[in-house]
Structures are given as C-alpha cells and as structure tokens.
Protein backbone atom coordinates (compact mmCIF):
# COMPACT_ATOMS: atom_id res chain seq x y z
CA MET A 1 8.83 22.15 -28.59
CA PRO A 2 5.98 23.41 -26.82
CA LEU A 3 6.26 25.91 -24.12
CA TYR A 4 7.21 24.24 -20.58
CA SER A 5 6.36 26.41 -17.58
CA HIS A 6 5.85 26.44 -13.54
CA ILE A 7 5.23 28.36 -11.18
CA ASN A 8 7.92 28.68 -8.18
CA ILE A 9 6.87 30.66 -4.57
CA PHE A 10 9.66 32.04 -2.62
CA PRO A 11 9.89 32.16 0.23
CA ASN A 12 8.33 28.73 0.56
CA VAL A 13 9.05 26.30 3.71
CA GLY A 14 11.28 23.19 2.23
CA ARG A 15 11.44 24.72 -0.60
CA LYS A 16 8.59 22.69 -2.25
CA PHE A 17 7.24 23.27 -5.64
CA TYR A 18 4.19 23.17 -6.79
CA ASN A 19 1.42 24.47 -9.33
CA PRO A 20 -0.92 26.19 -7.21
CA SER A 21 -4.35 27.70 -8.85
CA PRO A 22 -5.51 30.63 -8.73
CA SER A 23 -7.32 30.56 -5.70
CA THR A 24 -4.68 29.49 -4.02
CA ILE A 25 -2.24 32.21 -4.72
CA LEU A 26 -4.70 34.52 -3.46
CA LYS A 27 -5.01 32.81 0.13
CA LEU A 28 -1.44 32.40 0.05
CA ARG A 29 -1.47 36.37 -0.38
CA ALA A 30 -3.95 36.83 2.06
CA SER A 31 -1.69 35.05 4.37
CA LYS A 32 1.65 36.93 3.94
CA PRO A 33 2.46 40.64 3.82
CA GLU A 34 2.11 42.14 0.68
CA GLY A 35 5.15 42.38 -1.50
CA ILE A 36 7.14 40.22 0.76
CA MET A 37 6.11 37.17 -1.91
CA THR A 38 6.90 36.66 -5.68
CA ALA A 39 5.43 34.02 -7.98
CA LEU A 40 8.44 33.36 -10.38
CA ALA A 41 7.07 32.18 -14.39
CA HIS A 42 10.11 30.16 -15.09
CA ILE A 43 10.26 28.84 -18.57
CA VAL A 44 12.26 26.27 -21.09
CA LEU A 45 11.92 28.16 -24.16
CA GLY A 46 12.63 25.73 -27.31
CA PRO A 47 13.68 26.95 -30.41
CA PHE A 48 10.07 27.73 -31.71
CA ALA A 49 8.89 29.22 -28.57
CA PRO A 50 11.18 32.59 -28.16
CA LYS A 51 9.42 34.28 -25.01
CA VAL A 52 10.29 35.60 -22.20
CA VAL A 53 7.08 35.42 -18.79
CA ASN A 54 8.05 38.42 -16.87
CA LEU A 55 8.10 38.31 -12.86
CA ILE A 56 5.08 38.77 -11.41
CA THR A 57 4.36 39.99 -7.36
CA ILE A 58 1.79 38.81 -5.55
CA SER A 59 -0.10 42.45 -5.10
CA ASP A 60 0.35 42.28 -9.24
CA LEU A 61 -2.17 39.05 -9.39
CA PRO A 62 -5.70 40.03 -8.89
CA ARG A 63 -5.18 42.40 -12.24
CA GLN A 64 -3.54 39.20 -14.21
CA SER A 65 -5.49 37.31 -16.46
CA PRO A 66 -6.46 34.28 -14.90
CA ALA A 67 -5.70 32.45 -18.25
CA LEU A 68 -1.67 32.92 -17.64
CA LEU A 69 -2.08 31.08 -14.25
CA MET A 70 -4.57 28.21 -15.89
CA THR A 71 -2.51 27.76 -18.91
CA LEU A 72 0.75 26.80 -16.61
CA GLN A 73 1.57 23.09 -17.34
CA PRO A 74 0.47 20.48 -14.31
CA GLY A 75 3.25 18.03 -12.68
CA LYS A 76 4.89 16.91 -9.85
CA THR A 77 8.47 17.31 -8.94
CA LEU A 78 10.33 13.93 -9.18
CA THR A 79 11.01 14.41 -5.19
CA GLU A 80 7.29 13.91 -4.90
CA LEU A 81 6.68 11.58 -7.84
CA TRP A 82 10.02 9.57 -8.22
CA PRO A 83 8.16 7.07 -4.81
CA GLU A 84 5.28 6.05 -6.94
CA LEU A 85 6.62 5.64 -10.51
CA THR A 86 7.37 1.46 -10.77
CA ALA A 87 10.73 0.83 -12.48
CA THR A 88 9.09 0.90 -16.00
CA GLN A 89 7.90 4.67 -15.75
CA ARG A 90 11.29 5.75 -14.33
CA SER A 91 13.02 4.99 -17.47
CA VAL A 92 10.78 6.37 -19.41
CA VAL A 93 10.96 9.59 -17.11
CA LYS A 94 14.87 9.41 -17.79
CA ALA A 95 14.15 8.87 -21.23
CA ASN A 96 12.27 12.16 -21.79
CA LEU A 97 14.91 14.29 -19.66
CA CYS A 98 17.49 13.43 -21.55
CA THR A 99 15.68 14.42 -24.58
CA LEU A 100 15.02 17.97 -23.17
CA ILE A 101 18.38 18.07 -22.68
CA VAL A 102 19.39 17.29 -25.93
CA ARG A 103 17.00 19.86 -27.28
CA MET A 104 17.99 22.53 -25.29
CA ARG A 105 21.77 21.53 -26.79
CA ALA A 106 20.67 21.56 -30.19
CA SER A 107 18.98 24.39 -30.20
CA GLN A 108 19.50 27.77 -32.28
CA PHE A 109 18.35 29.60 -29.88
CA HIS A 110 20.31 30.95 -26.39
CA TYR A 111 18.25 30.06 -23.52
CA HIS A 112 17.11 32.34 -20.71
CA GLY A 113 15.97 31.86 -17.62
CA ILE A 114 18.24 33.23 -14.75
CA PRO A 115 16.36 33.73 -11.22
CA GLY A 116 15.83 37.48 -10.67
CA ARG A 117 17.12 38.69 -13.56
CA LEU A 118 13.31 38.38 -15.44
CA PRO A 119 12.33 40.65 -17.21
CA TYR A 120 15.26 41.35 -19.55
CA ARG A 121 15.64 41.73 -23.43
CA ILE A 122 16.49 38.87 -25.71
CA ILE A 123 20.00 39.81 -27.36
CA ASP A 124 20.84 37.57 -30.32
CA GLU A 125 24.01 39.57 -31.46
CA LEU A 126 25.51 38.76 -27.91
CA LYS A 127 24.00 35.21 -27.93
CA GLY A 128 22.43 35.62 -24.90
CA THR A 129 25.24 36.82 -22.64
CA VAL A 130 23.62 39.34 -20.27
CA ASN A 131 26.87 40.75 -18.75
CA TYR A 132 28.33 40.89 -21.82
CA ALA A 133 26.55 44.57 -22.42
CA PHE A 134 28.82 46.26 -19.86
CA CYS A 135 32.12 44.92 -20.31
CA THR A 136 34.13 47.19 -23.05
CA THR A 137 37.15 45.61 -23.21
CA ARG A 138 38.63 41.76 -24.06
CA GLU A 139 40.29 41.37 -20.73
CA GLU A 140 37.24 42.81 -18.92
CA TRP A 141 35.20 40.18 -20.10
CA ASP A 142 37.83 37.19 -19.76
CA ASN A 143 38.17 38.62 -15.21
CA SER A 144 34.49 38.40 -15.12
CA ARG A 145 34.38 35.26 -16.58
CA VAL A 146 37.15 33.58 -14.85
CA ALA A 147 35.45 35.37 -11.51
CA ALA A 148 32.56 33.31 -12.24
CA ILE A 149 34.21 29.61 -12.97
CA TRP A 150 35.85 30.66 -9.07
CA ALA A 151 32.03 31.19 -7.90
CA ASN A 152 31.11 28.03 -9.46
CA ALA A 153 34.62 26.30 -8.08
CA ARG A 154 34.08 27.41 -4.34
CA ASP A 155 30.18 26.56 -4.55
CA ALA A 156 31.02 23.13 -5.84
CA GLN A 157 33.64 22.75 -3.31
CA ILE A 158 36.50 22.34 -5.93
CA ASP A 159 38.48 24.97 -5.03
CA GLU A 160 41.33 23.82 -7.37
CA ALA A 161 39.97 24.41 -10.50
CA ARG A 162 41.51 28.04 -9.40
CA CYS A 163 44.32 26.53 -11.49
CA VAL A 164 42.85 27.47 -14.57
CA THR A 165 44.61 30.15 -15.82
CA LEU A 166 43.23 33.43 -17.55
CA GLU A 167 43.87 32.98 -21.11
CA ARG A 168 42.54 29.93 -21.27
CA VAL A 169 39.10 31.37 -20.95
CA GLN A 170 38.31 33.06 -24.31
CA ARG A 171 35.60 34.76 -25.51
CA GLU A 172 35.59 34.09 -29.44
CA THR A 173 34.11 30.87 -29.57
CA LEU A 174 31.51 31.92 -26.60
CA CYS A 175 28.88 32.27 -29.64
CA ASP A 176 29.51 27.98 -31.05
CA ASP A 177 28.87 26.82 -27.28
CA ARG A 178 25.71 25.06 -26.58
CA ALA A 179 23.10 25.06 -23.37
CA VAL A 180 24.83 23.63 -20.33
CA LEU A 181 22.71 23.58 -17.20
CA THR A 182 24.95 24.32 -13.89
CA HIS A 183 24.66 21.13 -11.50
CA CYS A 184 22.10 22.56 -9.29
CA ASP A 185 19.83 22.74 -12.65
CA LEU A 186 19.19 18.99 -13.19
CA SER A 187 18.69 18.63 -8.94
CA ASP A 188 15.48 15.99 -8.75
CA ARG A 189 13.18 19.05 -6.83
CA ASN A 190 14.12 21.09 -9.91
CA ILE A 191 12.68 18.79 -12.66
CA LEU A 192 8.73 18.92 -12.87
CA VAL A 193 6.90 15.63 -14.76
CA ASP A 194 3.65 15.17 -15.67
CA PRO A 195 2.16 11.93 -13.43
CA THR A 196 -0.20 11.15 -16.46
CA THR A 197 2.13 11.29 -19.20
CA LEU A 198 5.67 11.35 -18.06
CA GLU A 199 6.79 14.30 -19.69
CA VAL A 200 8.90 16.74 -18.07
CA THR A 201 7.24 20.11 -18.10
CA GLY A 202 9.34 22.16 -17.10
CA LEU A 203 12.82 22.81 -14.88
CA ILE A 204 12.56 25.02 -12.03
CA ASP A 205 15.70 27.30 -11.22
CA TRP A 206 17.68 26.58 -14.69
CA GLU A 207 20.55 28.57 -16.47
CA MET A 208 22.61 28.43 -18.35
CA ALA A 209 26.73 27.91 -18.38
CA ASN A 210 27.62 28.30 -21.30
CA VAL A 211 31.20 29.39 -20.69
CA MET A 212 31.65 25.64 -19.24
CA PRO A 213 32.71 22.81 -21.17
CA ALA A 214 30.11 20.19 -22.62
CA TYR A 215 30.48 17.46 -19.90
CA PHE A 216 30.03 19.92 -17.25
CA GLU A 217 27.02 18.59 -16.32
CA TYR A 218 28.25 15.14 -15.81
CA ALA A 219 30.96 16.39 -13.78
CA MET A 220 29.20 18.29 -11.90
CA ALA A 221 26.63 16.27 -10.71
CA ARG A 222 29.46 13.40 -9.42
CA LEU A 223 31.08 16.09 -7.49
CA SER A 224 28.48 18.56 -5.85
CA GLY A 225 26.37 18.11 -3.17
CA GLY A 226 23.15 19.35 -4.36
CA HIS A 227 21.71 16.24 -5.45
CA ASP A 228 19.63 13.35 -3.40
CA PRO A 229 22.53 10.17 -3.21
CA TRP A 230 19.11 7.93 -5.44
CA TRP A 231 18.48 10.79 -7.91
CA ARG A 232 22.91 11.40 -8.56
CA ARG A 233 23.10 7.57 -9.44
CA GLU A 234 19.67 8.11 -12.03
CA LEU A 235 21.10 11.17 -13.63
CA LEU A 236 24.59 10.05 -14.03
CA GLU A 237 22.74 7.86 -16.24
CA VAL A 238 20.95 10.34 -18.15
CA LEU A 239 23.82 12.85 -18.81
CA LYS A 240 25.79 9.90 -20.15
CA GLU A 241 23.11 9.61 -22.62
CA VAL A 242 23.13 12.94 -23.46
CA LEU A 243 27.10 12.96 -24.00
CA ARG A 244 26.18 9.89 -26.12
CA CYS A 245 23.67 11.86 -28.28
CA ALA A 246 24.45 15.31 -28.16
CA SER A 247 28.56 15.08 -28.36
CA PRO A 248 30.61 12.40 -29.93
CA LYS A 249 32.62 9.98 -27.71
CA ARG A 250 35.37 11.91 -27.95
CA CYS A 251 34.27 14.12 -25.04
CA LEU A 252 34.75 11.42 -22.33
CA LEU A 253 38.06 11.69 -22.64
CA ARG A 254 38.45 15.03 -21.30
CA MET A 255 35.65 14.61 -18.66
CA PHE A 256 37.26 11.24 -17.01
CA GLU A 257 40.50 13.07 -17.37
CA SER A 258 38.52 15.82 -15.53
CA LEU A 259 37.49 13.73 -12.74
CA CYS A 260 40.54 12.03 -12.34
CA THR A 261 42.73 15.08 -11.33
CA ARG A 262 39.99 17.04 -9.61
CA TYR A 263 40.84 19.53 -12.11
CA PHE A 264 38.35 21.21 -14.63
CA ASP A 265 39.22 21.92 -18.29
CA VAL A 266 37.07 25.00 -18.82
CA SER A 267 38.46 25.95 -22.15
CA ARG A 268 35.53 27.16 -24.03
CA ALA A 269 35.68 24.11 -27.10
CA PRO A 270 32.50 22.90 -26.38
CA ILE A 271 34.09 18.94 -27.21
CA PRO A 272 37.87 17.93 -26.99
CA GLU A 273 38.87 17.69 -30.25
CA LEU A 274 40.05 14.16 -31.87
CA THR A 275 43.31 14.50 -33.04
CA VAL A 276 45.26 11.53 -35.75
CA GLU A 277 48.58 10.29 -34.57
CA SER A 278 51.84 11.23 -36.77
CA ARG A 279 55.47 10.62 -36.58
CA LYS A 280 57.86 11.96 -38.15
CA ARG A 281 60.29 9.66 -40.41
CA ALA A 282 63.81 9.24 -39.28
CA THR A 283 66.09 10.92 -41.43
CA SER A 284 68.38 7.93 -42.19
CA LEU A 285 65.48 6.26 -43.49
CA ARG A 286 66.05 5.71 -47.38
CA THR A 287 62.72 6.37 -48.52
CA TYR A 288 60.63 9.70 -47.39
CA ALA A 289 63.33 10.40 -44.66
CA GLY A 290 62.28 13.53 -42.26
CA ASP A 291 58.39 12.63 -43.68
CA THR A 292 56.05 13.41 -41.63
CA ALA A 293 53.81 10.36 -41.84
CA LEU A 294 51.23 7.77 -40.41
CA PRO A 295 52.89 4.66 -38.90
CA GLY A 296 52.53 1.46 -41.21
CA GLY A 297 54.58 -0.62 -43.42
CA LYS A 298 54.37 -2.87 -45.61
CA TRP A 299 52.29 -6.52 -45.69
CA GLU A 300 54.85 -9.52 -44.44
CA PRO A 301 53.19 -13.10 -45.88
CA ARG A 302 53.18 -13.05 -41.65
CA ASP A 303 50.64 -11.50 -41.56
CA LYS A 304 47.15 -12.40 -41.75
CA SER A 305 45.22 -9.37 -42.38
CA ILE A 306 45.77 -6.44 -43.78
CA GLU A 307 44.40 -5.05 -40.49
CA GLN A 308 47.34 -7.14 -38.61
CA THR A 309 49.81 -5.55 -41.00
CA ALA A 310 49.10 -2.82 -39.46
CA ARG A 311 48.97 -2.56 -36.06
CA ARG A 312 52.26 -4.63 -36.27
CA GLU A 313 53.83 -1.84 -38.02
CA ALA A 314 51.76 0.65 -35.37
CA TYR A 315 53.71 -1.94 -32.59
CA GLU A 316 56.90 -1.94 -33.90
CA GLU A 317 57.42 2.11 -34.79
CA ILE A 318 55.32 3.55 -31.82
CA GLY A 319 55.36 0.48 -29.08
CA LEU A 320 50.97 1.16 -30.00
CA PRO A 321 49.45 -1.93 -28.17
CA MET A 322 48.62 -4.46 -30.34
CA ASP A 323 45.38 -5.38 -27.72
CA TYR A 324 42.01 -4.59 -29.88
CA LYS A 325 40.30 -4.18 -26.72
CA LYS A 326 42.32 -1.23 -26.23
CA VAL A 327 42.78 0.24 -29.24
CA PRO A 328 39.20 -0.86 -31.47
CA LEU A 329 39.14 -1.22 -34.64
CA LEU A 330 36.95 1.33 -36.56
CA CYS A 331 37.48 0.62 -40.20
CA ILE A 332 39.07 -0.31 -43.16
CA LEU A 333 38.99 2.11 -46.01
CA GLU A 334 39.41 1.88 -49.93
CA PRO A 335 43.20 1.31 -50.94
CA CYS A 336 45.16 4.51 -52.79
CA LEU A 337 48.44 4.27 -55.08
CA ALA A 338 51.35 6.53 -53.36
CA GLY A 339 53.53 8.10 -55.64
CA ASN A 340 55.95 5.17 -55.79
CA ARG A 341 54.05 2.90 -57.03
CA LEU A 342 53.11 0.75 -53.47
CA ILE A 343 49.27 0.06 -52.64
CA VAL A 344 48.22 1.53 -49.46
CA THR A 345 45.17 0.52 -47.18
CA PRO A 346 44.77 2.66 -44.53
CA VAL A 347 43.52 1.16 -41.04
CA VAL A 348 41.53 3.04 -38.53
CA VAL A 349 41.20 2.73 -35.46
CA LEU A 350 40.06 4.56 -31.79
CA ILE A 351 42.41 5.17 -28.74
CA LEU A 352 41.11 6.05 -25.96
CA ASP A 353 43.39 5.46 -22.91
CA LYS A 354 45.52 8.13 -22.58
CA THR A 355 47.99 6.40 -20.15
CA LEU A 356 49.19 4.29 -22.96
CA ARG A 357 53.01 6.20 -24.03
CA PRO A 358 54.68 5.89 -26.85
CA ILE A 359 57.91 3.77 -27.04
CA LEU A 360 59.19 5.36 -30.84
CA ASN A 361 61.89 2.83 -32.32
CA ARG A 362 64.50 5.32 -32.94
CA ALA A 363 65.92 3.79 -35.86
CA GLU A 364 62.69 4.67 -38.24
CA VAL A 365 60.98 7.39 -36.18
CA THR A 366 62.27 10.61 -34.41
CA SER A 367 59.24 12.11 -33.13
CA LEU A 368 55.69 11.53 -32.55
CA PHE A 369 52.69 14.56 -32.29
CA SER A 370 49.14 14.62 -32.60
CA HIS A 371 46.95 16.81 -34.45
CA PRO A 372 43.18 17.74 -35.07
CA LEU A 373 41.27 16.07 -37.10
CA ARG A 374 38.89 18.71 -38.27
CA SER A 375 41.46 20.74 -39.36
CA PHE A 376 42.01 19.00 -42.41
CA LEU A 377 38.43 20.17 -43.77
CA GLN A 378 39.42 24.13 -43.35
CA SER A 379 41.76 26.09 -44.95
CA GLU A 380 42.06 28.09 -41.47
CA PRO A 381 44.42 26.68 -38.97
CA PRO A 382 43.51 25.42 -35.90
CA PHE A 383 46.67 26.96 -33.89
CA PRO A 384 48.09 30.39 -33.56
CA LEU A 385 50.77 30.45 -36.54
CA GLU A 386 54.57 31.52 -35.10
CA HIS A 387 55.62 34.87 -35.85
CA GLU A 388 58.03 33.60 -38.74
CA MET A 389 55.42 31.84 -40.04
CA LEU A 390 52.79 34.40 -40.18
CA GLU A 391 53.32 34.82 -44.13
CA LEU A 392 52.69 30.90 -44.68
CA LYS A 393 49.26 29.36 -45.43
CA TYR A 394 48.27 26.38 -43.63
CA HIS A 395 46.63 24.96 -46.13
CA THR A 396 47.81 24.67 -49.91
CA TYR A 397 47.98 22.56 -52.43
CA THR A 398 49.68 21.71 -55.94
CA ASP A 399 48.22 19.89 -59.27
CA TYR A 400 50.70 17.41 -60.84
CA GLU A 401 50.67 15.19 -63.39
CA SER A 402 50.35 11.40 -62.23
CA ASN A 403 53.32 9.27 -62.85
CA THR A 404 51.29 6.42 -62.31
CA SER A 405 48.31 7.17 -64.52
CA PRO A 406 46.47 9.58 -67.14
CA GLY A 407 45.24 12.72 -65.39
CA LYS A 408 46.05 15.13 -62.60
CA VAL A 409 46.64 14.61 -59.12
CA ARG A 410 45.78 16.97 -56.45
CA ILE A 411 48.96 17.26 -53.84
CA HIS A 412 47.16 19.04 -50.49
CA THR A 413 50.11 19.80 -48.11
CA PHE A 414 49.16 21.38 -43.91
CA LEU A 415 51.49 22.70 -41.68
CA THR A 416 51.68 21.21 -37.81
CA GLY A 417 53.05 24.03 -36.33
CA ARG A 418 56.03 22.50 -35.84
CA GLU A 419 58.17 23.64 -38.92
CA ALA A 420 60.10 25.66 -36.37
CA GLY A 421 61.20 22.71 -34.61
CA GLY A 422 62.44 20.39 -38.52
CA THR A 423 59.13 19.24 -38.62
CA LYS A 424 57.97 18.78 -42.12
CA PRO A 425 53.94 19.66 -43.17
CA ILE A 426 51.51 16.88 -43.94
CA PHE A 427 51.57 16.08 -46.80
CA GLY A 428 51.05 14.24 -50.31
CA LEU A 429 49.02 11.16 -49.70
CA THR A 430 49.55 10.70 -45.95
CA ALA A 431 47.25 14.83 -45.97
CA SER A 432 44.92 12.80 -48.57
CA ILE A 433 43.97 9.88 -46.35
CA LEU A 434 43.63 12.07 -43.26
CA ILE A 435 41.22 14.57 -45.46
CA GLU A 436 38.77 11.47 -46.25
CA VAL A 437 38.93 9.98 -42.61
CA ALA A 438 37.82 13.43 -41.27
CA LYS A 439 35.05 13.36 -44.55
CA ILE A 440 34.06 10.74 -43.26
CA GLY A 441 33.80 11.52 -39.15
CA TYR A 442 32.50 14.58 -39.63
CA ALA A 443 30.05 14.00 -42.60
CA ARG A 444 30.85 17.17 -44.43
CA GLU A 445 33.08 18.34 -47.26
CA PRO A 446 35.99 20.01 -46.81
CA ASP A 447 35.90 23.98 -47.17
CA PHE A 448 38.38 23.71 -50.16
CA GLU A 449 38.25 21.28 -53.55
CA ALA A 450 39.90 17.89 -52.12
CA TYR A 451 40.19 17.00 -55.82
CA ALA A 452 41.84 18.21 -59.29
CA PRO A 453 39.51 18.56 -62.17
CA GLY A 454 39.35 15.24 -63.85
CA GLN A 455 41.12 13.13 -61.43
CA PRO A 456 40.62 10.16 -61.54
CA THR A 457 39.22 7.66 -58.65
CA ALA A 458 41.41 5.33 -56.56
CA ARG A 459 39.76 2.68 -58.43
CA GLN A 460 40.81 3.93 -61.82
CA ARG A 461 44.62 4.83 -60.93
CA ILE A 462 44.90 1.30 -59.13
CA ALA A 463 43.73 -0.25 -62.23
CA TYR A 464 45.68 1.15 -64.57
CA ALA A 465 48.69 1.03 -62.74
CA LEU A 466 47.85 -2.67 -62.63
CA ARG A 467 47.50 -3.40 -66.46
CA HIS A 468 50.32 -0.58 -67.84
CA ASP A 469 53.06 -0.51 -64.64
CA PRO A 470 56.40 -2.52 -65.72
CA ILE A 471 56.69 -2.64 -62.25
CA PHE A 472 52.82 -4.32 -61.58
CA ARG A 473 52.66 -6.18 -64.35
CA GLU A 474 55.78 -8.11 -63.77
CA ALA A 475 54.36 -9.21 -59.62
CA GLU A 476 50.89 -10.15 -61.35
CA ARG A 477 52.54 -12.75 -63.26
CA ALA A 478 54.69 -13.64 -60.91
CA GLU A 479 51.67 -14.56 -58.26
CA GLY A 480 50.32 -16.18 -61.77
CA ILE A 481 47.76 -13.22 -62.65
CA ASP A 482 47.05 -12.15 -66.54
CA PRO A 483 47.64 -8.49 -65.90
CA ASP A 484 45.85 -7.86 -69.28
CA LYS A 485 42.71 -9.61 -67.07
CA THR A 486 42.45 -7.13 -64.39
CA PRO A 487 39.76 -4.65 -64.59
CA ASP A 488 39.43 -1.94 -67.52
CA PRO A 489 40.14 1.42 -65.90
CA SER A 490 37.90 2.95 -68.26
CA SER A 491 34.98 0.49 -66.86
CA LEU A 492 35.55 1.73 -63.31
CA GLY A 493 33.16 5.03 -62.84
CA GLN A 494 32.11 6.67 -59.81
CA SER A 495 30.36 4.27 -58.40
CA HIS A 496 32.50 1.17 -59.07
CA ALA A 497 32.63 -1.28 -56.61
CA THR A 498 29.80 -4.24 -56.22
CA ASP A 499 27.28 -4.33 -54.02
CA ALA A 500 28.64 -6.27 -51.75
CA GLU A 501 31.93 -4.24 -51.53
CA MET A 502 29.32 -1.51 -50.68
CA SER A 503 27.47 -2.57 -48.72
CA ARG A 504 31.19 -3.16 -46.50
CA ARG A 505 32.24 -0.13 -47.07
CA ARG A 506 28.81 1.96 -45.96
CA LYS A 507 28.71 -0.41 -43.15
CA GLY A 508 32.72 0.41 -42.17
CA ARG A 509 31.91 4.41 -43.08
CA MET A 510 28.89 4.45 -40.86
CA LEU A 511 30.95 2.53 -37.64
CA LEU A 512 33.69 5.27 -38.06
CA ARG A 513 30.70 8.03 -37.90
CA VAL A 514 28.88 6.42 -35.42
CA LYS A 515 32.43 5.52 -32.62
CA LEU A 516 33.96 9.14 -33.94
C-alpha cells in the first residue's frame, strides 16, 4: 500500500486545504509572524509503510530538504473537486474511498495520526493506544475511556450516550479492534483526491477511535452536523459498502438499534455477535424432556419440502413467522442420524427483524434463549461462569460406540450459562449441528477435534442404518424400496456425493458464509 501524505496549513482562512509548493510555503512564512503557522504533514499509514512524519514549523522549513515537500501526493479536497466530476467519476471516487477504509480496517498495523500529537513513538505492544502508558490501573484506564466517550457524545449532540455504564467499557478486547475513523475525519474537506487518477491520496485530520464499535462512522455520519448535506448522502453509501466488506451483515443489526434509540452501544466487540436460537423442551414430553434443542420436528404428508417442515415446526413451537422475506433461507445442510434412529436435516435461516417476539407453545417449549454461534468453535466460554460453575468446563466431549453404525461417535457438550436456572447444556446432535453451521459461517475449524478417530461420516452412518437397522428396513419395504439395494456404506468415503450434490452443497455453504 503506498504512503499517502498531505500538507495541512494551520491556521487557514476557511480551512481550505491544499498542497503548497516550497515557494508558496516561503511566501506564507514571509506574510506571517515566524512560529505562528505550522505545516503538519499527515499520513495515512498502510501495513507496508510504518512511518511517522514529524511536525515541521515554518521556521524549520528553509533547513529542510525540498524533497520532503516535493514528494507529497498531488490532489484536491472533495469540496473543491466534486462539482467538477461526472456521475461515473464520483462513483469511482467513492469506490476508491471505500477500498482505502477497508484496507485501514484490515491492516495489522495500528494507525497513528492524531493532530497535535506527532511526533510520538509507535508502541506496538500497546496496540497504538497513546494514553495507555500513563494509566497504572484498570479502573484508571476505564475511566479515561468513558471520559472520552462522553466528550464524543457531547461533540455529536447525543448526550443520551451517558447511559453507557462503566462496566461496559473494558480494555481486554481493545487490541482486537480495528481502526475506526471518527465522524469528522471523513468530511468532504478532509478527503484528498488526485484529479487525474481519482485515487484517494490522503485523509486530513484523521485519528483512530478504537474504543467505538465497528459501525461508528455510519452512525456518526447520520447524527453529526459535521458533514455537508450533499456529502452526507454520498458518505452513507460508502460506509454501507465498508460495513458490507469489512464486517459481516450482523453488524447492521446493532447499528440500526443504536440509531433508533440514540443510545450507542460502545462495548468493545468490533461487531455484534451472531447467535443461535435454542429452546428448552417441556418436561412433559415423552422424548428428550427438558433438553436444550433447536426448533423442529417430524415431516408430515402436507409438507411440500423439508424447508416447509422446518418452518412449520418453528412456527408451531416458538411462533417464528413463516414469511420467507422476514426469515430468509440461508441453506439446507447434509442430513444426519440421531441416536433415536431419526434422520435429521438442518435448515438454516436468518432472523434480522428484532421486533419479532416469540410465542411459545408451552406444551412443547419451556423457554427460548440465544447463544453465540462462534462459541461452538472454541473451548473457552463466551460468558463469565457463575461462582458455583467455576470448576466446570465450558466444552467437553465423550466418545461412545454408536448404536446405529460401527465405530465411535463423539458427543460434544457446551454449557449455556443458564444451568443454575435449570437449563441443560447443549449436547449431542444439537451441538454437532451447531458446530457444523459455525464452521461454515466463520470459515474456520474449531480449536478442538470435532470427530472421534475413525468416526464414520454422516452419509456412511445413514447408509449403514438403511441396510442393517430393522426399523429402517421395515420402513423401506413399506415404501417399496429394497434395503439391500441402498448405497453400500463401505463405498462411501469422505467425498461420497455426486457432482450435482457437491455443486448444490457448495452453493448452499457459500450462501451461508456470505450472508453470515
């Protein structure tokens, strides 16, 4: 990534920013008292350009090498350039700005560019937090960050943010945050663009607000008075694209909630956590009474598809609307075999409408709760354990001999954090399904071994049951199927699907990953 730089002259009538030549600098120096004006070289640092430009006073300029000024990127601010651009050129500029912001967010280098604080040394171990060095305690650090939040809230005329409590601002996850630009940094007068190439060559007066959530730029662009009306509309389009590229869509949910309530959630999580809805089965049920499970049930002749079966059961159990637009389908995963000899096909949908309220069928469901999907890929709990549960492990597993096919099957168990209230852990088939969904959605493997050594695949287990289990053989004969002509389990390896099935599966997984 190239090194972007720009000279910013303070003070300046109308805060008009431009790239002066050395002769212009000298003329400015001659017209102003020495030492009043300061030429501040600001840079946007990429991961391959970890350098800092020092402050240069006007009195120092004659002794500086002219090469420093001559290597500055040419360009105009958007305020000057925008009226000269065509619609197509404006789209190119917005795309280039989006690309630059996404690169800044994705960079592993922590940016430095706070006006008036250059030069200062880069402290890698402190992850770019300049003021952390003089905070000796956690409480002192928390108080300093809360004070900064209040200041930002007053600047943006959103004093309602004072409702944010101290305990919601913790420093532990600070190092995981990405660069988040403050609301005035992306003003049209602060964005420098090359008129020839339309590349964004510099951001003026920018700083990192890494205490804020990932959607902070978008929210402040909506609420702040620091943007010209014409640019606010364009900037919102840019930031929507940034959120789409740099953060999963689940980021939008908390963003819109904040905009509606005007109370900003400033927890350090860079993006809102995607959760899965789980239910506690009624204790009066004949099977799996009181267990924690996913909504669902058996296929009925009136169901036109497996998806319709899942939607109907979810509607009957928890009141989830069957509206395909409100609850869009993400994908349908591979069938799996339950211990009670039922073939279960997971159907994955996405719930974005937080106005939906569950309507529980008390005959089948006692309670409904959310659990972070990402936590099914990790052995550490996503929540603090209660005192009486400190000796328990969040994730455990046991290998059992399968009662439906040869070989061992690994049974996983995850705590819910609600065990003290009578909620059972998530385990068995439910846990296995959620591990698979999390693997696809987050495109990574869990930090534990998901399968027992030599564990047969789901297709192998189903094929074995179809051939050898008396219950399945009887059901097949009733439907006119010869059990001995079903697929041979030994012929099914790891790649046991047809080309068409593999293609459909890849498309479904890709859709799930993109939408999550």
